Protein backbone atom coordinates (compact mmCIF):
# COMPACT_ATOMS: atom_id res chain seq x y z
CA UNK A 1 -28.29 -4.74 20.87
CA UNK A 2 -29.81 -2.26 21.83
CA UNK A 3 -32.38 -3.16 25.59
CA UNK A 4 -35.30 -2.77 23.55
CA UNK A 5 -34.35 -4.98 20.67
CA UNK A 6 -33.97 -7.34 23.48
CA UNK A 7 -37.14 -7.03 25.03
CA UNK A 8 -38.48 -8.10 21.62
CA UNK A 9 -36.69 -10.97 21.45
CA UNK A 10 -37.64 -11.88 24.83
CA UNK A 11 -41.41 -11.37 24.00
CA UNK A 12 -41.36 -13.27 21.06
CA UNK A 13 -39.56 -16.35 22.41
CA UNK A 14 -41.86 -16.19 25.75
CA UNK A 15 -45.74 -15.03 24.50
CA UNK A 16 -46.36 -14.04 21.43
CA UNK A 17 -44.52 -16.43 19.18
CA UNK A 18 -45.45 -19.03 20.95
CA UNK A 19 -47.81 -21.31 18.32
CA UNK A 20 -50.94 -21.77 19.96
CA UNK A 21 -52.12 -26.05 19.51
CA UNK A 22 -54.87 -26.54 16.87
CA UNK A 23 -58.21 -27.55 17.59
CA UNK A 24 -59.68 -30.77 16.04
CA UNK A 25 -63.44 -30.89 15.95
CA UNK A 26 -65.19 -33.99 15.86
CA UNK A 27 -67.15 -35.01 12.47
CA UNK A 28 -70.52 -36.08 13.14
CA UNK A 29 -71.84 -38.96 10.64
CA UNK A 30 -75.21 -38.78 9.82
CA UNK A 31 -77.27 -42.09 10.39
CA UNK A 32 -80.24 -42.61 7.92
CA UNK A 33 -83.12 -45.10 9.15
CA UNK A 34 -84.36 -47.08 6.38
CA UNK A 35 -88.11 -47.27 6.22
CA UNK A 36 -89.70 -50.42 7.66
CA UNK A 37 -92.92 -49.96 7.49
CA UNK A 38 -94.91 -52.25 4.84
CA UNK A 39 -97.48 -51.55 2.77
CA UNK A 40 -101.12 -52.65 4.23
CA UNK A 41 -103.06 -54.42 1.11
CA UNK A 42 -107.23 -54.42 1.06
CA UNK A 43 -108.52 -57.83 2.27
CA UNK A 44 -112.34 -56.95 1.83
CA UNK A 45 -113.95 -60.08 1.07
CA UNK A 46 -117.12 -59.79 -1.72
CA UNK A 47 -120.52 -59.95 -0.88
CA UNK A 48 -122.81 -62.72 -0.98
CA UNK A 49 -125.37 -62.71 -3.80
CA UNK A 50 -127.60 -64.45 -1.61
CA UNK A 51 -128.36 -61.70 0.66
CA UNK A 52 -132.29 -60.51 1.88
CA UNK A 53 -133.95 -57.64 0.59
CA UNK A 54 -135.24 -55.70 3.73
CA UNK A 55 -139.62 -54.99 3.34
CA UNK A 56 -140.35 -51.33 2.20
CA UNK A 57 -142.65 -51.23 4.95
CA UNK A 58 -139.61 -50.74 7.63
CA UNK A 59 -139.76 -47.18 9.82
CA UNK A 60 -136.87 -45.35 9.78
CA UNK A 61 -135.51 -43.90 12.68
CA UNK A 62 -133.24 -40.81 12.97
CA UNK A 63 -130.41 -40.85 15.35
CA UNK A 64 -129.52 -36.91 16.82
CA UNK A 65 -126.83 -35.94 15.64
CA UNK A 66 -124.38 -34.52 19.12
CA UNK A 67 -122.06 -31.46 17.97
CA UNK A 68 -118.49 -31.98 18.25
CA UNK A 69 -117.27 -30.84 21.68
CA UNK A 70 -114.28 -27.68 20.77
CA UNK A 71 -110.80 -29.16 21.50
CA UNK A 72 -108.58 -26.15 22.99
CA UNK A 73 -105.60 -25.71 21.27
CA UNK A 74 -102.16 -25.24 23.19
CA UNK A 75 -100.70 -22.07 22.88
CA UNK A 76 -96.82 -22.51 22.10
CA UNK A 77 -94.09 -20.55 24.60
CA UNK A 78 -91.64 -18.11 22.44
CA UNK A 79 -88.43 -19.36 22.36
CA UNK A 80 -86.05 -17.61 24.16
CA UNK A 81 -83.13 -16.04 21.66
CA UNK A 82 -79.76 -16.00 22.98
CA UNK A 83 -78.47 -12.56 24.12
CA UNK A 84 -75.07 -11.80 22.64
CA UNK A 85 -71.91 -10.72 24.79
CA UNK A 86 -71.37 -6.95 24.08
CA UNK A 87 -67.60 -6.07 23.58
CA UNK A 88 -66.45 -4.58 26.69
CA UNK A 89 -65.42 -0.62 26.59
CA UNK A 90 -61.47 -1.12 27.22
CA UNK A 91 -60.60 2.59 26.75
CA UNK A 92 -60.05 3.26 30.41
CA UNK A 93 -58.28 -0.31 30.80
CA UNK A 94 -54.95 1.34 31.11
CA UNK A 95 -52.01 2.56 33.11
CA UNK A 96 -51.02 6.72 33.01
CA UNK A 97 -48.48 8.50 34.36
CA UNK A 98 -51.12 9.47 37.46
CA UNK A 99 -50.61 5.71 38.52
CA UNK A 100 -46.66 6.20 38.59
CA UNK A 101 -44.13 7.24 40.40
CA UNK A 102 -42.81 10.87 40.04
CA UNK A 103 -39.57 10.58 37.38
CA UNK A 104 -41.32 8.74 34.45
CA UNK A 105 -42.54 10.47 31.33
CA UNK A 106 -44.20 8.70 28.52
CA UNK A 107 -42.82 8.04 25.06
CA UNK A 108 -44.18 9.60 22.20
CA UNK A 109 -44.92 7.06 19.49
CA UNK A 110 -42.20 8.31 17.29
CA UNK A 111 -39.86 7.50 20.39
CA UNK A 112 -41.05 4.08 21.23
CA UNK A 113 -41.11 3.64 17.38
CA UNK A 114 -36.87 4.62 16.90
CA UNK A 115 -36.55 2.46 19.74
CA UNK A 116 -37.81 -0.40 18.91
CA UNK A 117 -40.94 -0.96 20.74
CA UNK A 118 -43.76 -0.86 18.76
CA UNK A 119 -47.58 -2.61 19.48
CA UNK A 120 -46.71 -5.04 16.89
CA UNK A 121 -43.51 -6.08 18.16
CA UNK A 122 -45.17 -7.09 21.49
CA UNK A 123 -48.50 -8.38 20.19
CA UNK A 124 -46.47 -10.34 18.19
CA UNK A 125 -48.59 -13.55 16.75
CA UNK A 126 -51.27 -12.36 18.23
CA UNK A 127 -51.87 -9.54 15.60
CA UNK A 128 -51.93 -5.60 15.74
CA UNK A 129 -55.13 -5.51 15.38
CA UNK A 130 -55.88 -7.16 18.50
CA UNK A 131 -53.18 -5.05 20.72
CA UNK A 132 -55.09 -2.45 22.72
CA UNK A 133 -54.12 0.02 25.02
CA UNK A 134 -50.45 0.02 24.10
CA UNK A 135 -48.00 2.69 26.09
CA UNK A 136 -44.21 2.74 26.92
CA UNK A 137 -43.11 4.46 30.26
CA UNK A 138 -39.00 5.80 30.53
CA UNK A 139 -37.29 5.98 33.98
CA UNK A 140 -33.75 7.02 34.21
CA UNK A 141 -31.88 8.91 36.36
CA UNK A 142 -28.14 8.99 37.25
CA UNK A 143 -29.01 6.10 39.94
CA UNK A 144 -31.91 4.30 38.65
CA UNK A 145 -33.58 2.74 34.93
CA UNK A 146 -36.66 1.72 34.14
CA UNK A 147 -38.99 0.96 30.75
CA UNK A 148 -42.25 -0.59 30.84
CA UNK A 149 -44.06 -1.58 28.30
CA UNK A 150 -47.59 -2.86 28.95
CA UNK A 151 -50.93 -3.44 26.72
CA UNK A 152 -54.26 -5.44 26.23
CA UNK A 153 -54.64 -8.33 23.60
CA UNK A 154 -58.48 -8.69 22.72
CA UNK A 155 -60.31 -10.82 21.94
CA UNK A 156 -57.76 -13.77 22.42
CA UNK A 157 -59.34 -17.25 20.50
CA UNK A 158 -60.49 -20.61 22.02
CA UNK A 159 -57.21 -22.39 21.18
CA UNK A 160 -54.95 -19.24 22.58
CA UNK A 161 -56.55 -19.36 26.12
CA UNK A 162 -56.72 -23.28 26.27
CA UNK A 163 -52.46 -23.16 25.09
CA UNK A 164 -52.42 -19.94 28.22
CA UNK A 165 -54.22 -21.97 30.98
CA UNK A 166 -51.87 -25.38 29.91
CA UNK A 167 -48.98 -22.68 30.50
CA UNK A 168 -49.76 -21.51 34.00
CA UNK A 169 -47.31 -22.41 36.24
CA UNK A 170 -44.80 -23.65 34.19
CA UNK A 171 -42.01 -21.73 33.57
CA UNK A 172 -39.65 -24.20 32.38
CA UNK A 173 -41.02 -24.07 28.65
CA UNK A 174 -40.40 -20.18 28.64
CA UNK A 175 -37.09 -20.52 30.13
CA UNK A 176 -36.03 -22.64 27.54
CA UNK A 177 -36.95 -20.42 24.94
CA UNK A 178 -35.29 -17.80 25.70
CA UNK A 179 -32.12 -20.09 26.35
CA UNK A 180 -32.78 -20.53 22.27
CA UNK A 181 -33.17 -17.05 21.43
CA UNK A 182 -30.14 -15.49 19.33
CA UNK A 183 -28.10 -12.92 20.34
CA UNK A 184 -29.21 -13.08 23.69
CA UNK A 185 -26.60 -14.34 26.70
CA UNK A 186 -29.58 -15.41 28.87
CA UNK A 187 -27.57 -15.77 32.46
CA UNK A 188 -31.30 -16.16 34.57
CA UNK A 189 -34.41 -17.02 34.77
CA UNK A 190 -37.02 -17.66 36.99
CA UNK A 191 -40.82 -17.72 37.99
CA UNK A 192 -41.56 -14.28 38.62
CA UNK A 193 -42.71 -13.64 42.53
CA UNK A 194 -46.53 -12.60 42.93
CA UNK A 195 -48.33 -14.44 40.41
CA UNK A 196 -50.03 -16.55 42.72
CA UNK A 197 -52.20 -13.63 43.56
CA UNK A 198 -54.13 -14.13 40.13
CA UNK A 199 -55.28 -17.67 41.17
CA UNK A 200 -54.32 -19.77 38.69
CA UNK A 201 -54.42 -16.28 35.62
CA UNK A 202 -51.02 -16.10 35.40
CA UNK A 203 -47.92 -16.17 33.71
CA UNK A 204 -44.83 -14.49 34.76
CA UNK A 205 -41.17 -14.93 34.85
CA UNK A 206 -37.80 -12.84 35.49
CA UNK A 207 -35.24 -12.80 33.34
CA UNK A 208 -31.51 -12.16 33.75
CA UNK A 209 -29.12 -11.20 31.06
CA UNK A 210 -26.41 -9.66 29.24
CA UNK A 211 -26.53 -6.86 26.74
CA UNK A 212 -24.51 -3.99 26.86
CA UNK A 213 -25.73 -4.20 30.43
CA UNK A 214 -26.34 -6.48 33.20
CA UNK A 215 -30.84 -6.01 32.71
CA UNK A 216 -33.05 -7.86 34.44
CA UNK A 217 -36.64 -8.17 32.41
CA UNK A 218 -39.60 -9.03 34.45
CA UNK A 219 -42.49 -10.19 32.53
CA UNK A 220 -46.31 -10.93 33.69
CA UNK A 221 -49.54 -12.04 31.45
CA UNK A 222 -52.56 -11.76 33.22
CA UNK A 223 -55.76 -13.29 31.54
CA UNK A 224 -59.55 -12.56 32.16
CA UNK A 225 -61.63 -13.72 30.10
CA UNK A 226 -60.55 -13.10 26.41
CA UNK A 227 -57.99 -9.90 27.12
CA UNK A 228 -54.89 -10.52 28.30
CA UNK A 229 -52.83 -8.09 29.94
CA UNK A 230 -49.45 -7.68 29.27
CA UNK A 231 -46.65 -5.71 31.15
CA UNK A 232 -43.08 -6.14 30.97
CA UNK A 233 -40.60 -3.87 32.96
CA UNK A 234 -37.05 -3.42 32.23
CA UNK A 235 -34.58 -2.15 34.79
CA UNK A 236 -30.63 -2.56 35.53
CA UNK A 237 -29.78 -5.56 37.46
CA UNK A 238 -29.24 -5.64 41.02
CA UNK A 239 -31.12 -2.15 41.32
CA UNK A 240 -34.73 -2.37 42.69
CA UNK A 241 -37.03 -0.57 40.01
CA UNK A 242 -39.23 2.30 40.91
CA UNK A 243 -42.05 0.32 40.73
CA UNK A 244 -42.60 -3.41 40.28
CA UNK A 245 -44.17 -5.40 37.07
CA UNK A 246 -46.93 -7.38 39.75
CA UNK A 247 -48.20 -3.72 41.00
CA UNK A 248 -49.00 -2.90 37.42
CA UNK A 249 -50.57 -5.58 36.50
CA UNK A 250 -52.30 -6.24 39.13
CA UNK A 251 -53.88 -2.42 39.10
CA UNK A 252 -54.28 -3.26 34.73
CA UNK A 253 -56.14 -6.55 35.80
CA UNK A 254 -58.66 -4.61 38.32
CA UNK A 255 -59.31 -2.06 35.13
CA UNK A 256 -60.07 -4.96 32.55
CA UNK A 257 -62.13 -6.60 35.10
CA UNK A 258 -64.62 -3.10 35.71
CA UNK A 259 -64.70 -3.34 31.42
CA UNK A 260 -65.31 -6.85 30.74
CA UNK A 261 -69.09 -8.32 31.30
CA UNK A 262 -69.57 -12.01 30.59
CA UNK A 263 -66.21 -12.78 30.59
């Protein structure tokens, strides 16, 4: 199994292919109020025929008519129309070669496709249509190796954000899923150090696995509103990588913060 095929399976087992919980909307039942007003029947008594007529010499006195006082009509205040949250411009929320140590190069789409590193593989069940700013970088020399894959997922749905928040700081379910991945030999899985700085907005894991080499995979996902920043780092076990995943996702999240409005 290639290193990138391993990465795709790891991604699917941890984040993108994990099912988001279904939400049940409450059913509102309308209550009909039965009419209770009783009809009022006329009860006028008949006029007695013994009434005395008024003599024709009576003088009629006119009563002055007063003009009605005008009533001020209240002015209704206009109802404020809620303003829709603008769609953030995430074009600049990415990592470029200028952000990485010397020795990295960006993989072309054809190279990434050939290696199995695609936006659809990384986005998983989130859907390629919501994958933004996908990029893959490679550092390789006789002494060190690192492959970096990153992207944004936007917008996250309400069930997805709820699921994410429930999983924050709960790494055991991730490790359990990884141990069940077919074709992989997972040697170790523990929380990724450094996610605490994001104050309840990050998930992270560090996985040791065996493919054709002893490989270490660090995964960090940081949520800001309805944007998820995802960074994967693959490097040789026992060899410090040229740049850490936490450092990259910190920079990526900062750039998301400058683009997001109302999140």
